[in-house]
C-alpha atoms as a PDB file:
ATOM      1  CA  MET A   1       0.089   0.145  -0.330  1.00  0.00           C
ATOM      2  CA  SER A   2       1.356   4.040  -0.508  1.00  0.00           C
ATOM      3  CA  ASP A   3       1.852   5.770   2.727  1.00  0.00           C
ATOM      4  CA  GLU A   4       0.111   8.892   0.505  1.00  0.00           C
ATOM      5  CA  PRO A   5      -3.242   9.606   2.017  1.00  0.00           C
ATOM      6  CA  SER A   6      -4.372  10.495  -1.100  1.00  0.00           C
ATOM      7  CA  MET A   7      -3.806   7.078  -2.667  1.00  0.00           C
ATOM      8  CA  ARG A   8      -4.559   4.785   0.433  1.00  0.00           C
ATOM      9  CA  PRO A   9      -7.817   6.261   2.217  1.00  0.00           C
ATOM     10  CA  ARG A  10      -7.789   4.946   6.185  1.00  0.00           C
ATOM     11  CA  ALA A  11     -10.658   4.183   8.164  1.00  0.00           C
ATOM     12  CA  SER A  12     -12.024   6.062  10.941  1.00  0.00           C
ATOM     13  CA  ALA A  13     -14.653   5.517  13.942  1.00  0.00           C
ATOM     14  CA  ASN A  14     -16.990   7.467  12.068  1.00  0.00           C
ATOM     15  CA  SER A  15     -16.085   7.068   8.740  1.00  0.00           C
ATOM     16  CA  GLY A  16     -18.882   4.476   7.749  1.00  0.00           C
ATOM     17  CA  TRP A  17     -17.087   1.723   6.577  1.00  0.00           C
ATOM     18  CA  VAL A  18     -14.304  -0.660   7.491  1.00  0.00           C
ATOM     19  CA  PRO A  19     -11.201  -1.814   5.630  1.00  0.00           C
ATOM     20  CA  PHE A  20     -11.102  -5.335   4.385  1.00  0.00           C
ATOM     21  CA  LEU A  21      -7.729  -6.702   3.789  1.00  0.00           C
ATOM     22  CA  CYS A  22      -6.799  -9.697   1.511  1.00  0.00           C
ATOM     23  CA  VAL A  23      -3.256 -10.379   1.868  1.00  0.00           C
ATOM     24  CA  VAL A  24      -1.351 -13.136   0.655  1.00  0.00           C
ATOM     25  CA  ALA A  25       0.717 -14.287   3.816  1.00  0.00           C
ATOM     26  CA  ALA A  26       4.213 -14.792   2.569  1.00  0.00           C
ATOM     27  CA  ILE A  27       7.380 -13.344   2.876  1.00  0.00           C
ATOM     28  CA  ILE A  28      10.358 -14.667   0.289  1.00  0.00           C
ATOM     29  CA  ALA A  29      13.907 -13.965   0.232  1.00  0.00           C
ATOM     30  CA  LEU A  30      14.842 -12.403  -2.751  1.00  0.00           C
ATOM     31  CA  ALA A  31      18.637 -10.883  -3.905  1.00  0.00           C
ATOM     32  CA  GLY A  32      18.820 -10.228  -0.245  1.00  0.00           C
ATOM     33  CA  SER A  33      15.951  -8.821   1.073  1.00  0.00           C
ATOM     34  CA  ALA A  34      12.837  -9.658   2.274  1.00  0.00           C
ATOM     35  CA  LEU A  35       9.450  -8.922   0.756  1.00  0.00           C
ATOM     36  CA  THR A  36       5.814  -8.718   2.063  1.00  0.00           C
ATOM     37  CA  TRP A  37       3.108  -9.380  -0.486  1.00  0.00           C
ATOM     38  CA  VAL A  38      -0.011  -7.543  -0.235  1.00  0.00           C
ATOM     39  CA  ILE A  39      -2.740  -8.558  -2.366  1.00  0.00           C
ATOM     40  CA  SER A  40      -6.738  -6.836  -3.203  1.00  0.00           C
ATOM     41  CA  PRO A  41      -7.029  -4.856  -0.381  1.00  0.00           C
ATOM     42  CA  ASN A  42     -10.943  -4.305  -0.626  1.00  0.00           C
ATOM     43  CA  TRP A  43     -12.261  -1.013   1.701  1.00  0.00           C
ATOM     44  CA  GLY A  44     -15.995  -0.767   1.973  1.00  0.00           C
ATOM     45  CA  GLY A  45     -19.053  -2.255  -0.223  1.00  0.00           C
ATOM     46  CA  GLN A  46     -19.744  -5.866  -0.206  1.00  0.00           C
ATOM     47  CA  HIS A  47     -17.608  -8.425   0.096  1.00  0.00           C
ATOM     48  CA  LEU A  48     -17.465 -11.128  -3.149  1.00  0.00           C
ATOM     49  CA  THR A  49     -18.755 -14.188  -2.850  1.00  0.00           C
ATOM     50  CA  THR A  50     -15.853 -16.253  -5.123  1.00  0.00           C
ATOM     51  CA  ALA A  51     -15.830 -19.149  -6.335  1.00  0.00           C
ATOM     52  CA  LYS A  52     -15.778 -23.101  -4.835  1.00  0.00           C
ATOM     53  CA  ALA A  53     -12.262 -23.895  -4.154  1.00  0.00           C
ATOM     54  CA  ARG A  54     -10.674 -25.728  -7.293  1.00  0.00           C
ATOM     55  CA  ASN A  55      -7.280 -27.211  -7.675  1.00  0.00           C
ATOM     56  CA  ILE A  56      -6.985 -28.571 -10.978  1.00  0.00           C
ATOM     57  CA  GLY A  57      -3.742 -29.100 -13.634  1.00  0.00           C
ATOM     58  CA  GLN A  58      -0.305 -28.354 -12.989  1.00  0.00           C
ATOM     59  CA  VAL A  59       2.101 -25.967 -11.629  1.00  0.00           C
ATOM     60  CA  PRO A  60       4.335 -25.616 -14.577  1.00  0.00           C
ATOM     61  CA  THR A  61       7.710 -26.828 -14.336  1.00  0.00           C
ATOM     62  CA  ALA A  62       8.771 -27.305 -18.430  1.00  0.00           C
ATOM     63  CA  PRO A  63       9.730 -24.465 -20.511  1.00  0.00           C
ATOM     64  CA  GLY A  64       6.903 -23.511 -22.754  1.00  0.00           C
ATOM     65  CA  ALA A  65       6.839 -21.820 -26.380  1.00  0.00           C
ATOM     66  CA  LEU A  66       9.496 -19.533 -27.422  1.00  0.00           C
ATOM     67  CA  ALA A  67       7.933 -16.022 -27.083  1.00  0.00           C
ATOM     68  CA  ALA A  68       9.496 -12.338 -27.059  1.00  0.00           C
ATOM     69  CA  LEU A  69       9.846 -10.658 -23.825  1.00  0.00           C
ATOM     70  CA  VAL A  70       7.612  -7.464 -23.205  1.00  0.00           C
ATOM     71  CA  SER A  71       7.185  -4.917 -20.647  1.00  0.00           C
ATOM     72  CA  PRO A  72       3.320  -5.592 -20.637  1.00  0.00           C
ATOM     73  CA  ASN A  73       0.519  -3.074 -20.125  1.00  0.00           C
ATOM     74  CA  MET A  74      -2.650  -5.015 -21.081  1.00  0.00           C
ATOM     75  CA  ILE A  75      -4.005  -8.152 -20.055  1.00  0.00           C
ATOM     76  CA  GLU A  76      -6.957 -10.133 -21.793  1.00  0.00           C
ATOM     77  CA  ILE A  77      -8.397 -13.552 -20.780  1.00  0.00           C
ATOM     78  CA  PRO A  78     -10.910 -14.431 -23.601  1.00  0.00           C
ATOM     79  CA  LYS A  79     -12.773 -16.851 -21.297  1.00  0.00           C
ATOM     80  CA  LEU A  80     -13.859 -14.665 -18.865  1.00  0.00           C
ATOM     81  CA  ALA A  81     -13.996 -11.972 -21.140  1.00  0.00           C
ATOM     82  CA  ALA A  82     -11.390  -9.683 -19.106  1.00  0.00           C
ATOM     83  CA  LYS A  83      -9.496  -7.135 -20.386  1.00  0.00           C
ATOM     84  CA  ALA A  84      -7.290  -4.773 -18.080  1.00  0.00           C
ATOM     85  CA  PRO A  85      -4.369  -2.090 -18.306  1.00  0.00           C
ATOM     86  CA  ILE A  86      -1.187  -3.677 -16.625  1.00  0.00           C
ATOM     87  CA  VAL A  87       0.773  -0.945 -14.846  1.00  0.00           C
ATOM     88  CA  GLY A  88       4.203  -1.825 -13.241  1.00  0.00           C
ATOM     89  CA  VAL A  89       4.140  -2.030  -9.163  1.00  0.00           C
ATOM     90  CA  SER A  90       7.040  -2.056  -6.974  1.00  0.00           C
ATOM     91  CA  THR A  91       7.784  -2.732  -3.442  1.00  0.00           C
ATOM     92  CA  LEU A  92       7.152  -0.307  -0.265  1.00  0.00           C
ATOM     93  CA  ALA A  93      10.062   0.468   2.358  1.00  0.00           C
ATOM     94  CA  SER A  94       7.520  -1.717   4.501  1.00  0.00           C
ATOM     95  CA  GLY A  95       8.217  -4.610   1.870  1.00  0.00           C
ATOM     96  CA  ALA A  96       4.858  -4.750   1.094  1.00  0.00           C
ATOM     97  CA  LEU A  97       3.909  -5.108  -2.743  1.00  0.00           C
ATOM     98  CA  ASP A  98       2.030  -2.184  -3.853  1.00  0.00           C
ATOM     99  CA  VAL A  99      -1.270  -3.152  -6.082  1.00  0.00           C
ATOM    100  CA  PRO A 100      -3.171  -0.681  -8.203  1.00  0.00           C
ATOM    101  CA  LEU A 101      -6.352   0.806  -6.272  1.00  0.00           C
ATOM    102  CA  ASN A 102      -8.644   0.342  -9.270  1.00  0.00           C
ATOM    103  CA  PRO A 103      -9.847  -3.303  -9.387  1.00  0.00           C
ATOM    104  CA  ARG A 104      -9.650  -2.973 -13.296  1.00  0.00           C
ATOM    105  CA  THR A 105      -6.596  -2.304 -13.549  1.00  0.00           C
ATOM    106  CA  VAL A 106      -3.727  -5.421 -13.169  1.00  0.00           C
ATOM    107  CA  GLY A 107      -0.134  -4.774 -11.302  1.00  0.00           C
ATOM    108  CA  TRP A 108       3.066  -6.600 -12.863  1.00  0.00           C
ATOM    109  CA  TRP A 109       5.714  -6.966 -10.252  1.00  0.00           C
ATOM    110  CA  ASN A 110       8.645  -5.048 -11.856  1.00  0.00           C
ATOM    111  CA  GLY A 111      11.206  -6.666  -9.667  1.00  0.00           C
ATOM    112  CA  GLY A 112      10.531 -10.526 -10.808  1.00  0.00           C
ATOM    113  CA  ALA A 113      10.389 -11.477 -14.758  1.00  0.00           C
ATOM    114  CA  LYS A 114       9.096 -10.081 -17.617  1.00  0.00           C
ATOM    115  CA  PRO A 115       6.529 -12.049 -18.750  1.00  0.00           C
ATOM    116  CA  GLY A 116       7.820 -14.123 -21.761  1.00  0.00           C
ATOM    117  CA  ALA A 117      10.897 -14.951 -19.943  1.00  0.00           C
ATOM    118  CA  ARG A 118      12.593 -17.875 -20.547  1.00  0.00           C
ATOM    119  CA  LYS A 119      13.423 -18.027 -16.298  1.00  0.00           C
ATOM    120  CA  GLY A 120      11.320 -16.874 -13.317  1.00  0.00           C
ATOM    121  CA  THR A 121       7.688 -15.934 -12.899  1.00  0.00           C
ATOM    122  CA  ALA A 122       6.227 -13.110 -14.000  1.00  0.00           C
ATOM    123  CA  ILE A 123       3.581 -11.931 -11.349  1.00  0.00           C
ATOM    124  CA  LEU A 124       0.524 -10.473 -11.846  1.00  0.00           C
ATOM    125  CA  ASP A 125      -1.806  -9.227  -9.238  1.00  0.00           C
ATOM    126  CA  GLY A 126      -4.882  -7.281  -8.761  1.00  0.00           C
ATOM    127  CA  HIS A 127      -8.116  -6.802  -6.240  1.00  0.00           C
ATOM    128  CA  VAL A 128     -10.551  -9.357  -6.170  1.00  0.00           C
ATOM    129  CA  ASN A 129     -12.904  -6.370  -5.158  1.00  0.00           C
ATOM    130  CA  TYR A 130     -13.067  -2.627  -4.076  1.00  0.00           C
ATOM    131  CA  LYS A 131     -16.126  -1.005  -3.340  1.00  0.00           C
ATOM    132  CA  GLY A 132     -18.412  -3.590  -4.692  1.00  0.00           C
ATOM    133  CA  VAL A 133     -16.891  -3.665  -8.212  1.00  0.00           C
ATOM    134  CA  ASP A 134     -15.313  -6.974  -8.789  1.00  0.00           C
ATOM    135  CA  GLY A 135     -11.821  -7.045  -9.735  1.00  0.00           C
ATOM    136  CA  VAL A 136     -10.648  -8.524 -13.580  1.00  0.00           C
ATOM    137  CA  LEU A 137      -9.069 -11.096 -11.618  1.00  0.00           C
ATOM    138  CA  SER A 138     -11.754 -11.970  -9.262  1.00  0.00           C
ATOM    139  CA  ARG A 139     -12.589 -15.299 -11.479  1.00  0.00           C
ATOM    140  CA  ILE A 140      -9.266 -16.286 -12.461  1.00  0.00           C
ATOM    141  CA  GLY A 141     -10.407 -19.657 -10.086  1.00  0.00           C
ATOM    142  CA  THR A 142     -12.441 -20.619 -13.115  1.00  0.00           C
ATOM    143  CA  LEU A 143     -10.125 -21.461 -15.572  1.00  0.00           C
ATOM    144  CA  ASN A 144      -8.910 -24.472 -16.993  1.00  0.00           C
ATOM    145  CA  PRO A 145      -5.946 -26.186 -18.499  1.00  0.00           C
ATOM    146  CA  GLY A 146      -5.477 -24.943 -21.987  1.00  0.00           C
ATOM    147  CA  ASP A 147      -7.618 -21.719 -21.475  1.00  0.00           C
ATOM    148  CA  THR A 148      -5.676 -18.506 -23.108  1.00  0.00           C
ATOM    149  CA  VAL A 149      -4.609 -15.495 -21.811  1.00  0.00           C
ATOM    150  CA  TYR A 150      -2.514 -12.734 -23.775  1.00  0.00           C
ATOM    151  CA  VAL A 151      -0.259 -10.338 -22.411  1.00  0.00           C
ATOM    152  CA  ARG A 152       0.750  -7.217 -24.522  1.00  0.00           C
ATOM    153  CA  GLY A 153       3.414  -4.966 -24.089  1.00  0.00           C
ATOM    154  CA  LEU A 154       6.565  -3.344 -25.947  1.00  0.00           C
ATOM    155  CA  HIS A 155       8.939  -5.656 -27.523  1.00  0.00           C
ATOM    156  CA  ASN A 156      12.013  -3.696 -28.910  1.00  0.00           C
ATOM    157  CA  GLY A 157       9.960  -0.618 -28.736  1.00  0.00           C
ATOM    158  CA  LYS A 158       6.736  -2.338 -30.568  1.00  0.00           C
ATOM    159  CA  GLN A 159       3.518  -3.254 -29.395  1.00  0.00           C
ATOM    160  CA  THR A 160       3.539  -7.195 -29.180  1.00  0.00           C
ATOM    161  CA  ARG A 161       0.845  -9.846 -27.931  1.00  0.00           C
ATOM    162  CA  VAL A 162       2.043 -12.797 -26.246  1.00  0.00           C
ATOM    163  CA  ARG A 163      -0.241 -15.786 -25.734  1.00  0.00           C
ATOM    164  CA  PHE A 164      -0.025 -17.742 -22.728  1.00  0.00           C
ATOM    165  CA  THR A 165      -1.994 -21.239 -21.830  1.00  0.00           C
ATOM    166  CA  ILE A 166      -2.863 -21.794 -18.657  1.00  0.00           C
ATOM    167  CA  THR A 167      -1.180 -24.907 -16.945  1.00  0.00           C
ATOM    168  CA  GLY A 168      -3.356 -24.915 -13.388  1.00  0.00           C
ATOM    169  CA  VAL A 169      -5.241 -23.290 -11.058  1.00  0.00           C
ATOM    170  CA  ARG A 170      -4.453 -23.756  -7.294  1.00  0.00           C
ATOM    171  CA  THR A 171      -6.219 -22.467  -4.278  1.00  0.00           C
ATOM    172  CA  TYR A 172      -4.125 -22.198  -1.081  1.00  0.00           C
ATOM    173  CA  HIS A 173      -5.277 -21.377   2.325  1.00  0.00           C
ATOM    174  CA  LYS A 174      -3.296 -18.117   3.645  1.00  0.00           C
ATOM    175  CA  THR A 175      -1.808 -19.922   6.630  1.00  0.00           C
ATOM    176  CA  ALA A 176      -0.035 -22.901   3.933  1.00  0.00           C
ATOM    177  CA  LEU A 177       1.152 -20.566   1.209  1.00  0.00           C
ATOM    178  CA  PRO A 178       4.001 -22.350  -0.533  1.00  0.00           C
ATOM    179  CA  TYR A 179       5.034 -18.704  -1.437  1.00  0.00           C
ATOM    180  CA  LYS A 180       8.859 -19.944  -2.041  1.00  0.00           C
ATOM    181  CA  GLN A 181       7.233 -22.091  -5.327  1.00  0.00           C
ATOM    182  CA  ILE A 182       4.848 -19.531  -5.900  1.00  0.00           C
ATOM    183  CA  PHE A 183       7.099 -16.471  -6.205  1.00  0.00           C
ATOM    184  CA  ASP A 184      10.429 -18.682  -7.501  1.00  0.00           C
ATOM    185  CA  GLN A 185      12.521 -16.473  -9.804  1.00  0.00           C
ATOM    186  CA  LYS A 186      14.703 -19.535 -11.212  1.00  0.00           C
ATOM    187  CA  SER A 187      11.751 -21.768 -12.053  1.00  0.00           C
ATOM    188  CA  VAL A 188      10.591 -22.036 -16.055  1.00  0.00           C
ATOM    189  CA  GLY A 189       9.395 -19.063 -17.578  1.00  0.00           C
ATOM    190  CA  ARG A 190       5.881 -18.616 -16.528  1.00  0.00           C
ATOM    191  CA  LEU A 191       3.018 -16.510 -14.960  1.00  0.00           C
ATOM    192  CA  ALA A 192       1.558 -16.365 -11.778  1.00  0.00           C
ATOM    193  CA  ILE A 193      -1.928 -14.287 -11.251  1.00  0.00           C
ATOM    194  CA  VAL A 194      -2.600 -13.961  -8.174  1.00  0.00           C
ATOM    195  CA  THR A 195      -5.837 -12.384  -6.239  1.00  0.00           C
ATOM    196  CA  CYS A 196      -7.518 -13.273  -3.098  1.00  0.00           C
ATOM    197  CA  GLY A 197     -10.915 -15.362  -2.549  1.00  0.00           C
ATOM    198  CA  GLY A 198     -12.448 -18.368  -0.857  1.00  0.00           C
ATOM    199  CA  PRO A 199     -14.591 -17.914   2.320  1.00  0.00           C
ATOM    200  CA  PHE A 200     -14.701 -14.043   3.569  1.00  0.00           C
ATOM    201  CA  ASP A 201     -14.296 -14.002   7.425  1.00  0.00           C
ATOM    202  CA  ALA A 202     -16.117 -11.191   8.278  1.00  0.00           C
ATOM    203  CA  GLN A 203     -14.750 -11.362  12.233  1.00  0.00           C
ATOM    204  CA  THR A 204     -11.445 -10.420  10.863  1.00  0.00           C
ATOM    205  CA  GLY A 205     -12.544  -9.249   7.287  1.00  0.00           C
ATOM    206  CA  ASN A 206     -10.213 -11.282   5.354  1.00  0.00           C
ATOM    207  CA  TYR A 207     -10.349 -13.426   2.552  1.00  0.00           C
ATOM    208  CA  LEU A 208      -9.392 -16.630   3.749  1.00  0.00           C
ATOM    209  CA  ASP A 209      -7.579 -18.090   0.246  1.00  0.00           C
ATOM    210  CA  ASN A 210      -5.476 -17.050  -2.156  1.00  0.00           C
ATOM    211  CA  ILE A 211      -6.214 -17.802  -5.974  1.00  0.00           C
ATOM    212  CA  VAL A 212      -3.155 -18.658  -8.036  1.00  0.00           C
ATOM    213  CA  ALA A 213      -3.450 -19.382 -12.190  1.00  0.00           C
ATOM    214  CA  PHE A 214       0.064 -20.564 -13.749  1.00  0.00           C
ATOM    215  CA  ALA A 215       0.639 -19.826 -17.139  1.00  0.00           C
ATOM    216  CA  VAL A 216       3.317 -20.674 -19.604  1.00  0.00           C
ATOM    217  CA  PRO A 217       4.093 -19.094 -23.023  1.00  0.00           C
ATOM    218  CA  ALA A 218       2.193 -20.808 -25.782  1.00  0.00           C
END
C-alpha cells in the first residue's frame, strides 16, 4: 500500500466503512531482502462471493514455447471476457507489494521476470474487489488448463502480443501458502496470476484463501 493519504484512504471511527484486507501472507527472500506480498485490499462495499476452491492441472515445471519478452501493459483473458491495463508495481519501504487501487487494473511486479522470459515467474496481481466492484481477476479460479491468456506489451519498442496457456489453478489457504514455489525467480518462464478468494471471514475482514493461476507461453 502507498503511504500517501490521497492514494490510500484510511478508516476512522466515523467513516462509515471498514477496511477489508486481502493479504497474500508470504515473506520471501529475494536478492537478499525480505518481501511481503500484499494483494487485493478491499475497502468498503460488499464482499465478493468467490467460486468454490479448485486445484486443477499443474504448476509448470517445463518451459513453454519461445516467446517475445515484453514490458506488459495489457492483459486479456477471453474465457472470462476480461481485459485490463497492466501497470508496474514495486515494493514499498515496509516490504509490501503495492497493488493498483482500481480493481479493473492489474499490477505487474517490476522486480521479477517479464512475461515471455525463459526463466523466472512474472507476477500479475489485482484486487478481488473494491468498494463493491469486482476485480478483473476475480474469476481466475474458474480457469482450466488450456485456457488462453494474452499479455500485450512493448518488445523492442513495438507493441507485441504474447499468448499464454493456463497449466493449472491452485487455491491456497493463507496459513499454508507455498510462497517459495509461487514466487520462484529460478523457475521456468511462466506467469503467476494472483488474487484473493475463498470464504470471507467477516470477523477479521479477510478472505481466507489466495487463488493462483499459472500459465506458460504458448
